[in-house]
Amino acid sequence: MPAAFEEGEESTGLRLSYAALILLSAAYEWGPYSLSLLIILGIAIYAVTALDFLIPKWREKKYGASKPGALISVIGMLIGLLFLPLWGIFIGAFIGGMVGDILVRK
């Protein structure tokens, strides 16, 4: 699977934003954000990152999706996003997943 479509890549932005908050707080002598807030945000980001890796695996296993079907679903979501900005994400992912699983099972 290409690196651009690996699961969990979305959470990189969360970790970078968290690092920026820590650097900002350190630069201003811990004034903008309290240590307790930074700890709570760190725990929340860790939990979201863990769920970002686990939930797709659980869904694929529960509904019997194939790995190529999941990949084509992501491609369909991106294509759908180009044509219908909000609903295209859902419609494209659904159609992409169906087409991917149909192609794999033939």
PDB file of N, CA and C in Angstrom:
ATOM      1  N   MET A   1       0.853  -1.174   0.000  1.00  0.00           N
ATOM      2  CA  MET A   1       0.000   0.000   0.000  1.00  0.00           C
ATOM      3  C   MET A   1       0.899   1.237   0.000  1.00  0.00           C
ATOM      4  N   PRO A   2       0.611   2.244  -0.841  1.00  0.00           N
ATOM      5  CA  PRO A   2       1.441   3.445  -0.866  1.00  0.00           C
ATOM      6  C   PRO A   2       1.413   4.167   0.475  1.00  0.00           C
ATOM      7  N   ALA A   3       2.508   4.828   0.779  1.00  0.00           N
ATOM      8  CA  ALA A   3       2.619   5.491   2.079  1.00  0.00           C
ATOM      9  C   ALA A   3       1.559   6.568   2.268  1.00  0.00           C
ATOM     10  N   ALA A   4       1.080   7.165   1.181  1.00  0.00           N
ATOM     11  CA  ALA A   4       0.083   8.230   1.296  1.00  0.00           C
ATOM     12  C   ALA A   4      -1.253   7.705   1.814  1.00  0.00           C
ATOM     13  N   PHE A   5      -1.491   6.393   1.672  1.00  0.00           N
ATOM     14  CA  PHE A   5      -2.777   5.842   2.079  1.00  0.00           C
ATOM     15  C   PHE A   5      -2.678   4.974   3.321  1.00  0.00           C
ATOM     16  N   GLU A   6      -1.555   4.982   3.993  1.00  0.00           N
ATOM     17  CA  GLU A   6      -1.450   4.199   5.206  1.00  0.00           C
ATOM     18  C   GLU A   6      -2.338   4.780   6.282  1.00  0.00           C
ATOM     19  N   GLU A   7      -2.895   3.903   7.089  1.00  0.00           N
ATOM     20  CA  GLU A   7      -3.767   4.361   8.156  1.00  0.00           C
ATOM     21  C   GLU A   7      -2.947   5.090   9.202  1.00  0.00           C
ATOM     22  N   GLY A   8      -3.523   6.128   9.757  1.00  0.00           N
ATOM     23  CA  GLY A   8      -2.849   6.845  10.817  1.00  0.00           C
ATOM     24  C   GLY A   8      -2.099   8.075  10.353  1.00  0.00           C
ATOM     25  N   GLU A   9      -2.002   8.286   9.052  1.00  0.00           N
ATOM     26  CA  GLU A   9      -1.280   9.450   8.563  1.00  0.00           C
ATOM     27  C   GLU A   9      -2.011  10.743   8.919  1.00  0.00           C
ATOM     28  N   GLU A  10      -3.324  10.666   9.127  1.00  0.00           N
ATOM     29  CA  GLU A  10      -4.084  11.870   9.451  1.00  0.00           C
ATOM     30  C   GLU A  10      -3.696  12.434  10.804  1.00  0.00           C
ATOM     31  N   SER A  11      -3.263  11.596  11.714  1.00  0.00           N
ATOM     32  CA  SER A  11      -2.964  12.056  13.061  1.00  0.00           C
ATOM     33  C   SER A  11      -1.607  12.743  13.167  1.00  0.00           C
ATOM     34  N   THR A  12      -0.823  12.760  12.091  1.00  0.00           N
ATOM     35  CA  THR A  12       0.453  13.460  12.115  1.00  0.00           C
ATOM     36  C   THR A  12       0.231  14.940  12.362  1.00  0.00           C
ATOM     37  N   GLY A  13      -0.807  15.498  11.779  1.00  0.00           N
ATOM     38  CA  GLY A  13      -1.123  16.904  11.994  1.00  0.00           C
ATOM     39  C   GLY A  13      -1.444  17.204  13.451  1.00  0.00           C
ATOM     40  N   LEU A  14      -2.116  16.275  14.111  1.00  0.00           N
ATOM     41  CA  LEU A  14      -2.405  16.455  15.536  1.00  0.00           C
ATOM     42  C   LEU A  14      -1.122  16.536  16.353  1.00  0.00           C
ATOM     43  N   ARG A  15      -0.209  15.626  16.060  1.00  0.00           N
ATOM     44  CA  ARG A  15       1.046  15.611  16.820  1.00  0.00           C
ATOM     45  C   ARG A  15       1.880  16.852  16.545  1.00  0.00           C
ATOM     46  N   LEU A  16       1.902  17.320  15.301  1.00  0.00           N
ATOM     47  CA  LEU A  16       2.649  18.541  14.981  1.00  0.00           C
ATOM     48  C   LEU A  16       2.028  19.765  15.645  1.00  0.00           C
ATOM     49  N   SER A  17       0.704  19.825  15.662  1.00  0.00           N
ATOM     50  CA  SER A  17       0.031  20.946  16.329  1.00  0.00           C
ATOM     51  C   SER A  17       0.311  20.936  17.826  1.00  0.00           C
ATOM     52  N   TYR A  18       0.331  19.758  18.406  1.00  0.00           N
ATOM     53  CA  TYR A  18       0.631  19.633  19.833  1.00  0.00           C
ATOM     54  C   TYR A  18       2.065  20.074  20.120  1.00  0.00           C
ATOM     55  N   ALA A  19       2.990  19.674  19.270  1.00  0.00           N
ATOM     56  CA  ALA A  19       4.384  20.104  19.439  1.00  0.00           C
ATOM     57  C   ALA A  19       4.495  21.623  19.317  1.00  0.00           C
ATOM     58  N   ALA A  20       3.727  22.216  18.404  1.00  0.00           N
ATOM     59  CA  ALA A  20       3.741  23.673  18.256  1.00  0.00           C
ATOM     60  C   ALA A  20       3.199  24.357  19.513  1.00  0.00           C
ATOM     61  N   LEU A  21       2.160  23.787  20.125  1.00  0.00           N
ATOM     62  CA  LEU A  21       1.641  24.353  21.368  1.00  0.00           C
ATOM     63  C   LEU A  21       2.671  24.297  22.486  1.00  0.00           C
ATOM     64  N   ILE A  22       3.396  23.189  22.549  1.00  0.00           N
ATOM     65  CA  ILE A  22       4.432  23.066  23.577  1.00  0.00           C
ATOM     66  C   ILE A  22       5.540  24.083  23.331  1.00  0.00           C
ATOM     67  N   LEU A  23       5.975  24.228  22.075  1.00  0.00           N
ATOM     68  CA  LEU A  23       7.020  25.210  21.757  1.00  0.00           C
ATOM     69  C   LEU A  23       6.553  26.636  22.033  1.00  0.00           C
ATOM     70  N   LEU A  24       5.307  26.938  21.701  1.00  0.00           N
ATOM     71  CA  LEU A  24       4.762  28.263  21.966  1.00  0.00           C
ATOM     72  C   LEU A  24       4.722  28.544  23.462  1.00  0.00           C
ATOM     73  N   SER A  25       4.281  27.569  24.208  1.00  0.00           N
ATOM     74  CA  SER A  25       4.223  27.742  25.663  1.00  0.00           C
ATOM     75  C   SER A  25       5.621  27.906  26.254  1.00  0.00           C
ATOM     76  N   ALA A  26       6.583  27.137  25.745  1.00  0.00           N
ATOM     77  CA  ALA A  26       7.952  27.248  26.250  1.00  0.00           C
ATOM     78  C   ALA A  26       8.554  28.597  25.882  1.00  0.00           C
ATOM     79  N   ALA A  27       8.259  29.087  24.699  1.00  0.00           N
ATOM     80  CA  ALA A  27       8.817  30.374  24.258  1.00  0.00           C
ATOM     81  C   ALA A  27       8.288  31.534  25.097  1.00  0.00           C
ATOM     82  N   TYR A  28       7.074  31.435  25.544  1.00  0.00           N
ATOM     83  CA  TYR A  28       6.475  32.501  26.357  1.00  0.00           C
ATOM     84  C   TYR A  28       6.452  32.133  27.833  1.00  0.00           C
ATOM     85  N   GLU A  29       7.414  31.323  28.244  1.00  0.00           N
ATOM     86  CA  GLU A  29       7.587  30.931  29.643  1.00  0.00           C
ATOM     87  C   GLU A  29       6.319  30.316  30.237  1.00  0.00           C
ATOM     88  N   TRP A  30       5.719  29.432  29.501  1.00  0.00           N
ATOM     89  CA  TRP A  30       4.563  28.646  29.908  1.00  0.00           C
ATOM     90  C   TRP A  30       3.358  29.509  30.273  1.00  0.00           C
ATOM     91  N   GLY A  31       3.248  30.678  29.629  1.00  0.00           N
ATOM     92  CA  GLY A  31       2.132  31.580  29.899  1.00  0.00           C
ATOM     93  C   GLY A  31       0.870  31.264  29.119  1.00  0.00           C
ATOM     94  N   PRO A  32       0.963  31.018  27.795  1.00  0.00           N
ATOM     95  CA  PRO A  32      -0.269  30.859  27.012  1.00  0.00           C
ATOM     96  C   PRO A  32      -1.126  29.658  27.425  1.00  0.00           C
ATOM     97  N   TYR A  33      -0.488  28.539  27.736  1.00  0.00           N
ATOM     98  CA  TYR A  33      -1.237  27.330  28.069  1.00  0.00           C
ATOM     99  C   TYR A  33      -0.658  26.723  29.341  1.00  0.00           C
ATOM    100  N   SER A  34      -1.530  26.308  30.209  1.00  0.00           N
ATOM    101  CA  SER A  34      -1.065  25.718  31.470  1.00  0.00           C
ATOM    102  C   SER A  34      -0.538  24.309  31.233  1.00  0.00           C
ATOM    103  N   LEU A  35       0.267  23.848  32.155  1.00  0.00           N
ATOM    104  CA  LEU A  35       0.820  22.506  32.057  1.00  0.00           C
ATOM    105  C   LEU A  35      -0.284  21.451  32.109  1.00  0.00           C
ATOM    106  N   SER A  36      -1.295  21.668  32.931  1.00  0.00           N
ATOM    107  CA  SER A  36      -2.389  20.688  33.021  1.00  0.00           C
ATOM    108  C   SER A  36      -3.151  20.595  31.695  1.00  0.00           C
ATOM    109  N   LEU A  37      -3.356  21.725  31.023  1.00  0.00           N
ATOM    110  CA  LEU A  37      -4.029  21.696  29.721  1.00  0.00           C
ATOM    111  C   LEU A  37      -3.185  20.935  28.705  1.00  0.00           C
ATOM    112  N   LEU A  38      -1.888  21.170  28.698  1.00  0.00           N
ATOM    113  CA  LEU A  38      -1.016  20.475  27.759  1.00  0.00           C
ATOM    114  C   LEU A  38      -0.990  18.973  28.024  1.00  0.00           C
ATOM    115  N   ILE A  39      -1.042  18.576  29.281  1.00  0.00           N
ATOM    116  CA  ILE A  39      -1.078  17.150  29.610  1.00  0.00           C
ATOM    117  C   ILE A  39      -2.396  16.524  29.150  1.00  0.00           C
ATOM    118  N   ILE A  40      -3.506  17.208  29.389  1.00  0.00           N
ATOM    119  CA  ILE A  40      -4.819  16.701  28.959  1.00  0.00           C
ATOM    120  C   ILE A  40      -4.864  16.587  27.444  1.00  0.00           C
ATOM    121  N   LEU A  41      -4.357  17.598  26.743  1.00  0.00           N
ATOM    122  CA  LEU A  41      -4.326  17.542  25.279  1.00  0.00           C
ATOM    123  C   LEU A  41      -3.424  16.413  24.786  1.00  0.00           C
ATOM    124  N   GLY A  42      -2.312  16.193  25.464  1.00  0.00           N
ATOM    125  CA  GLY A  42      -1.418  15.089  25.087  1.00  0.00           C
ATOM    126  C   GLY A  42      -2.090  13.742  25.223  1.00  0.00           C
ATOM    127  N   ILE A  43      -2.835  13.551  26.295  1.00  0.00           N
ATOM    128  CA  ILE A  43      -3.560  12.292  26.494  1.00  0.00           C
ATOM    129  C   ILE A  43      -4.642  12.127  25.428  1.00  0.00           C
ATOM    130  N   ALA A  44      -5.355  13.210  25.125  1.00  0.00           N
ATOM    131  CA  ALA A  44      -6.407  13.148  24.105  1.00  0.00           C
ATOM    132  C   ALA A  44      -5.810  12.837  22.729  1.00  0.00           C
ATOM    133  N   ILE A  45      -4.681  13.441  22.407  1.00  0.00           N
ATOM    134  CA  ILE A  45      -4.053  13.190  21.110  1.00  0.00           C
ATOM    135  C   ILE A  45      -3.552  11.755  21.026  1.00  0.00           C
ATOM    136  N   TYR A  46      -3.009  11.234  22.123  1.00  0.00           N
ATOM    137  CA  TYR A  46      -2.575   9.838  22.142  1.00  0.00           C
ATOM    138  C   TYR A  46      -3.770   8.905  21.911  1.00  0.00           C
ATOM    139  N   ALA A  47      -4.894   9.195  22.542  1.00  0.00           N
ATOM    140  CA  ALA A  47      -6.084   8.355  22.391  1.00  0.00           C
ATOM    141  C   ALA A  47      -6.619   8.420  20.959  1.00  0.00           C
ATOM    142  N   VAL A  48      -6.673   9.616  20.381  1.00  0.00           N
ATOM    143  CA  VAL A  48      -7.171   9.764  19.016  1.00  0.00           C
ATOM    144  C   VAL A  48      -6.251   9.045  18.033  1.00  0.00           C
ATOM    145  N   THR A  49      -4.949   9.146  18.243  1.00  0.00           N
ATOM    146  CA  THR A  49      -3.998   8.465  17.368  1.00  0.00           C
ATOM    147  C   THR A  49      -4.168   6.951  17.460  1.00  0.00           C
ATOM    148  N   ALA A  50      -4.334   6.429  18.663  1.00  0.00           N
ATOM    149  CA  ALA A  50      -4.533   4.987  18.825  1.00  0.00           C
ATOM    150  C   ALA A  50      -5.825   4.536  18.148  1.00  0.00           C
ATOM    151  N   LEU A  51      -6.896   5.300  18.327  1.00  0.00           N
ATOM    152  CA  LEU A  51      -8.170   4.943  17.692  1.00  0.00           C
ATOM    153  C   LEU A  51      -8.088   5.058  16.172  1.00  0.00           C
ATOM    154  N   ASP A  52      -7.267   6.004  15.695  1.00  0.00           N
ATOM    155  CA  ASP A  52      -7.094   6.184  14.261  1.00  0.00           C
ATOM    156  C   ASP A  52      -6.479   4.940  13.624  1.00  0.00           C
ATOM    157  N   PHE A  53      -5.679   4.211  14.364  1.00  0.00           N
ATOM    158  CA  PHE A  53      -5.101   2.975  13.855  1.00  0.00           C
ATOM    159  C   PHE A  53      -6.044   1.788  14.031  1.00  0.00           C
ATOM    160  N   LEU A  54      -6.811   1.753  15.113  1.00  0.00           N
ATOM    161  CA  LEU A  54      -7.593   0.569  15.446  1.00  0.00           C
ATOM    162  C   LEU A  54      -8.968   0.505  14.787  1.00  0.00           C
ATOM    163  N   ILE A  55      -9.673   1.621  14.708  1.00  0.00           N
ATOM    164  CA  ILE A  55     -11.055   1.602  14.208  1.00  0.00           C
ATOM    165  C   ILE A  55     -11.160   1.102  12.768  1.00  0.00           C
ATOM    166  N   PRO A  56     -10.307   1.559  11.826  1.00  0.00           N
ATOM    167  CA  PRO A  56     -10.436   1.004  10.467  1.00  0.00           C
ATOM    168  C   PRO A  56     -10.235  -0.509  10.414  1.00  0.00           C
ATOM    169  N   LYS A  57      -9.335  -1.030  11.209  1.00  0.00           N
ATOM    170  CA  LYS A  57      -9.116  -2.489  11.229  1.00  0.00           C
ATOM    171  C   LYS A  57     -10.353  -3.214  11.751  1.00  0.00           C
ATOM    172  N   TRP A  58     -10.942  -2.685  12.799  1.00  0.00           N
ATOM    173  CA  TRP A  58     -12.150  -3.302  13.354  1.00  0.00           C
ATOM    174  C   TRP A  58     -13.295  -3.286  12.342  1.00  0.00           C
ATOM    175  N   ARG A  59     -13.467  -2.156  11.671  1.00  0.00           N
ATOM    176  CA  ARG A  59     -14.559  -2.057  10.687  1.00  0.00           C
ATOM    177  C   ARG A  59     -14.330  -2.998   9.518  1.00  0.00           C
ATOM    178  N   GLU A  60     -13.086  -3.055   9.024  1.00  0.00           N
ATOM    179  CA  GLU A  60     -12.810  -3.965   7.913  1.00  0.00           C
ATOM    180  C   GLU A  60     -13.095  -5.408   8.306  1.00  0.00           C
ATOM    181  N   LYS A  61     -12.687  -5.778   9.501  1.00  0.00           N
ATOM    182  CA  LYS A  61     -12.889  -7.159   9.955  1.00  0.00           C
ATOM    183  C   LYS A  61     -14.374  -7.444  10.179  1.00  0.00           C
ATOM    184  N   LYS A  62     -15.089  -6.473  10.756  1.00  0.00           N
ATOM    185  CA  LYS A  62     -16.508  -6.690  11.072  1.00  0.00           C
ATOM    186  C   LYS A  62     -17.348  -6.845   9.814  1.00  0.00           C
ATOM    187  N   TYR A  63     -17.093  -6.022   8.810  1.00  0.00           N
ATOM    188  CA  TYR A  63     -17.924  -6.023   7.611  1.00  0.00           C
ATOM    189  C   TYR A  63     -17.329  -6.832   6.469  1.00  0.00           C
ATOM    190  N   GLY A  64     -16.175  -7.447   6.686  1.00  0.00           N
ATOM    191  CA  GLY A  64     -15.601  -8.317   5.670  1.00  0.00           C
ATOM    192  C   GLY A  64     -15.005  -7.595   4.481  1.00  0.00           C
ATOM    193  N   ALA A  65     -14.535  -6.399   4.658  1.00  0.00           N
ATOM    194  CA  ALA A  65     -13.949  -5.641   3.557  1.00  0.00           C
ATOM    195  C   ALA A  65     -12.544  -6.164   3.256  1.00  0.00           C
ATOM    196  N   SER A  66     -12.172  -6.047   1.995  1.00  0.00           N
ATOM    197  CA  SER A  66     -10.819  -6.444   1.606  1.00  0.00           C
ATOM    198  C   SER A  66      -9.902  -5.223   1.670  1.00  0.00           C
ATOM    199  N   LYS A  67      -8.605  -5.457   1.712  1.00  0.00           N
ATOM    200  CA  LYS A  67      -7.658  -4.349   1.750  1.00  0.00           C
ATOM    201  C   LYS A  67      -7.700  -3.531   0.465  1.00  0.00           C
ATOM    202  N   PRO A  68      -7.769  -4.158  -0.728  1.00  0.00           N
ATOM    203  CA  PRO A  68      -7.914  -3.341  -1.943  1.00  0.00           C
ATOM    204  C   PRO A  68      -9.228  -2.545  -1.941  1.00  0.00           C
ATOM    205  N   GLY A  69     -10.267  -3.139  -1.365  1.00  0.00           N
ATOM    206  CA  GLY A  69     -11.535  -2.412  -1.270  1.00  0.00           C
ATOM    207  C   GLY A  69     -11.412  -1.180  -0.404  1.00  0.00           C
ATOM    208  N   ALA A  70     -10.664  -1.290   0.697  1.00  0.00           N
ATOM    209  CA  ALA A  70     -10.442  -0.134   1.566  1.00  0.00           C
ATOM    210  C   ALA A  70      -9.625   0.933   0.850  1.00  0.00           C
ATOM    211  N   LEU A  71      -8.607   0.510   0.097  1.00  0.00           N
ATOM    212  CA  LEU A  71      -7.774   1.467  -0.643  1.00  0.00           C
ATOM    213  C   LEU A  71      -8.588   2.188  -1.707  1.00  0.00           C
ATOM    214  N   ILE A  72      -9.391   1.444  -2.464  1.00  0.00           N
ATOM    215  CA  ILE A  72     -10.209   2.065  -3.503  1.00  0.00           C
ATOM    216  C   ILE A  72     -11.281   2.944  -2.871  1.00  0.00           C
ATOM    217  N   SER A  73     -11.713   2.606  -1.684  1.00  0.00           N
ATOM    218  CA  SER A  73     -12.658   3.458  -0.959  1.00  0.00           C
ATOM    219  C   SER A  73     -12.034   4.823  -0.658  1.00  0.00           C
ATOM    220  N   VAL A  74     -10.775   4.834  -0.252  1.00  0.00           N
ATOM    221  CA  VAL A  74     -10.082   6.109   0.007  1.00  0.00           C
ATOM    222  C   VAL A  74      -9.931   6.901  -1.284  1.00  0.00           C
ATOM    223  N   ILE A  75      -9.586   6.222  -2.366  1.00  0.00           N
ATOM    224  CA  ILE A  75      -9.463   6.901  -3.660  1.00  0.00           C
ATOM    225  C   ILE A  75     -10.816   7.461  -4.088  1.00  0.00           C
ATOM    226  N   GLY A  76     -11.880   6.691  -3.894  1.00  0.00           N
ATOM    227  CA  GLY A  76     -13.226   7.171  -4.219  1.00  0.00           C
ATOM    228  C   GLY A  76     -13.621   8.368  -3.381  1.00  0.00           C
ATOM    229  N   MET A  77     -13.213   8.368  -2.117  1.00  0.00           N
ATOM    230  CA  MET A  77     -13.503   9.503  -1.253  1.00  0.00           C
ATOM    231  C   MET A  77     -12.821  10.762  -1.771  1.00  0.00           C
ATOM    232  N   LEU A  78     -11.568  10.641  -2.188  1.00  0.00           N
ATOM    233  CA  LEU A  78     -10.847  11.805  -2.702  1.00  0.00           C
ATOM    234  C   LEU A  78     -11.451  12.302  -4.013  1.00  0.00           C
ATOM    235  N   ILE A  79     -11.840  11.387  -4.874  1.00  0.00           N
ATOM    236  CA  ILE A  79     -12.483  11.785  -6.130  1.00  0.00           C
ATOM    237  C   ILE A  79     -13.844  12.414  -5.842  1.00  0.00           C
ATOM    238  N   GLY A  80     -14.601  11.831  -4.934  1.00  0.00           N
ATOM    239  CA  GLY A  80     -15.894  12.404  -4.566  1.00  0.00           C
ATOM    240  C   GLY A  80     -15.771  13.786  -3.967  1.00  0.00           C
ATOM    241  N   LEU A  81     -14.692  14.018  -3.244  1.00  0.00           N
ATOM    242  CA  LEU A  81     -14.445  15.328  -2.645  1.00  0.00           C
ATOM    243  C   LEU A  81     -14.261  16.395  -3.719  1.00  0.00           C
ATOM    244  N   LEU A  82     -13.722  16.013  -4.856  1.00  0.00           N
ATOM    245  CA  LEU A  82     -13.527  16.976  -5.944  1.00  0.00           C
ATOM    246  C   LEU A  82     -14.845  17.402  -6.572  1.00  0.00           C
ATOM    247  N   PHE A  83     -15.813  16.480  -6.663  1.00  0.00           N
ATOM    248  CA  PHE A  83     -17.052  16.775  -7.372  1.00  0.00           C
ATOM    249  C   PHE A  83     -18.165  17.291  -6.462  1.00  0.00           C
ATOM    250  N   LEU A  84     -18.311  16.724  -5.299  1.00  0.00           N
ATOM    251  CA  LEU A  84     -19.333  17.163  -4.345  1.00  0.00           C
ATOM    252  C   LEU A  84     -18.636  17.391  -3.009  1.00  0.00           C
ATOM    253  N   PRO A  85     -18.243  18.621  -2.702  1.00  0.00           N
ATOM    254  CA  PRO A  85     -17.360  18.862  -1.556  1.00  0.00           C
ATOM    255  C   PRO A  85     -17.778  18.207  -0.243  1.00  0.00           C
ATOM    256  N   LEU A  86     -19.008  18.257   0.164  1.00  0.00           N
ATOM    257  CA  LEU A  86     -19.368  17.645   1.434  1.00  0.00           C
ATOM    258  C   LEU A  86     -19.840  16.206   1.269  1.00  0.00           C
ATOM    259  N   TRP A  87     -20.840  16.004   0.453  1.00  0.00           N
ATOM    260  CA  TRP A  87     -21.429  14.676   0.303  1.00  0.00           C
ATOM    261  C   TRP A  87     -20.551  13.740  -0.500  1.00  0.00           C
ATOM    262  N   GLY A  88     -19.666  14.277  -1.313  1.00  0.00           N
ATOM    263  CA  GLY A  88     -18.778  13.445  -2.116  1.00  0.00           C
ATOM    264  C   GLY A  88     -17.859  12.592  -1.278  1.00  0.00           C
ATOM    265  N   ILE A  89     -17.529  13.059  -0.087  1.00  0.00           N
ATOM    266  CA  ILE A  89     -16.673  12.270   0.802  1.00  0.00           C
ATOM    267  C   ILE A  89     -17.369  10.950   1.142  1.00  0.00           C
ATOM    268  N   PHE A  90     -18.627  11.020   1.492  1.00  0.00           N
ATOM    269  CA  PHE A  90     -19.368   9.817   1.885  1.00  0.00           C
ATOM    270  C   PHE A  90     -19.763   8.972   0.680  1.00  0.00           C
ATOM    271  N   ILE A  91     -20.289   9.630  -0.345  1.00  0.00           N
ATOM    272  CA  ILE A  91     -20.741   8.903  -1.532  1.00  0.00           C
ATOM    273  C   ILE A  91     -19.559   8.260  -2.245  1.00  0.00           C
ATOM    274  N   GLY A  92     -18.469   9.016  -2.405  1.00  0.00           N
ATOM    275  CA  GLY A  92     -17.285   8.485  -3.079  1.00  0.00           C
ATOM    276  C   GLY A  92     -16.672   7.318  -2.333  1.00  0.00           C
ATOM    277  N   ALA A  93     -16.605   7.416  -1.005  1.00  0.00           N
ATOM    278  CA  ALA A  93     -16.047   6.318  -0.211  1.00  0.00           C
ATOM    279  C   ALA A  93     -16.934   5.076  -0.318  1.00  0.00           C
ATOM    280  N   PHE A  94     -18.250   5.266  -0.288  1.00  0.00           N
ATOM    281  CA  PHE A  94     -19.172   4.138  -0.383  1.00  0.00           C
ATOM    282  C   PHE A  94     -19.068   3.453  -1.739  1.00  0.00           C
ATOM    283  N   ILE A  95     -19.114   4.250  -2.800  1.00  0.00           N
ATOM    284  CA  ILE A  95     -19.038   3.679  -4.148  1.00  0.00           C
ATOM    285  C   ILE A  95     -17.663   3.049  -4.375  1.00  0.00           C
ATOM    286  N   GLY A  96     -16.611   3.712  -3.916  1.00  0.00           N
ATOM    287  CA  GLY A  96     -15.264   3.160  -4.066  1.00  0.00           C
ATOM    288  C   GLY A  96     -15.108   1.838  -3.337  1.00  0.00           C
ATOM    289  N   GLY A  97     -15.649   1.746  -2.136  1.00  0.00           N
ATOM    290  CA  GLY A  97     -15.580   0.489  -1.390  1.00  0.00           C
ATOM    291  C   GLY A  97     -16.336  -0.634  -2.078  1.00  0.00           C
ATOM    292  N   MET A  98     -17.517  -0.312  -2.619  1.00  0.00           N
ATOM    293  CA  MET A  98     -18.299  -1.325  -3.341  1.00  0.00           C
ATOM    294  C   MET A  98     -17.562  -1.788  -4.573  1.00  0.00           C
ATOM    295  N   VAL A  99     -17.060  -0.824  -5.354  1.00  0.00           N
ATOM    296  CA  VAL A  99     -16.351  -1.193  -6.596  1.00  0.00           C
ATOM    297  C   VAL A  99     -15.097  -2.002  -6.258  1.00  0.00           C
ATOM    298  N   GLY A 100     -14.371  -1.591  -5.231  1.00  0.00           N
ATOM    299  CA  GLY A 100     -13.156  -2.315  -4.860  1.00  0.00           C
ATOM    300  C   GLY A 100     -13.434  -3.747  -4.453  1.00  0.00           C
ATOM    301  N   ASP A 101     -14.458  -3.960  -3.670  1.00  0.00           N
ATOM    302  CA  ASP A 101     -14.784  -5.330  -3.245  1.00  0.00           C
ATOM    303  C   ASP A 101     -15.343  -6.162  -4.392  1.00  0.00           C
ATOM    304  N   ILE A 102     -16.099  -5.543  -5.283  1.00  0.00           N
ATOM    305  CA  ILE A 102     -16.607  -6.280  -6.448  1.00  0.00           C
ATOM    306  C   ILE A 102     -15.462  -6.705  -7.340  1.00  0.00           C
ATOM    307  N   LEU A 103     -14.488  -5.811  -7.567  1.00  0.00           N
ATOM    308  CA  LEU A 103     -13.337  -6.153  -8.399  1.00  0.00           C
ATOM    309  C   LEU A 103     -12.482  -7.251  -7.776  1.00  0.00           C
ATOM    310  N   VAL A 104     -12.331  -7.239  -6.486  1.00  0.00           N
ATOM    311  CA  VAL A 104     -11.498  -8.237  -5.803  1.00  0.00           C
ATOM    312  C   VAL A 104     -12.163  -9.598  -5.815  1.00  0.00           C
ATOM    313  N   ARG A 105     -13.466  -9.638  -5.661  1.00  0.00           N
ATOM    314  CA  ARG A 105     -14.179 -10.928  -5.565  1.00  0.00           C
ATOM    315  C   ARG A 105     -14.450 -11.576  -6.910  1.00  0.00           C
ATOM    316  N   LYS A 106     -14.184 -10.890  -8.014  1.00  0.00           N
ATOM    317  CA  LYS A 106     -14.400 -11.496  -9.341  1.00  0.00           C
ATOM    318  C   LYS A 106     -13.271 -12.385  -9.723  1.00  0.00           C
TER     319      LYS A 106
END
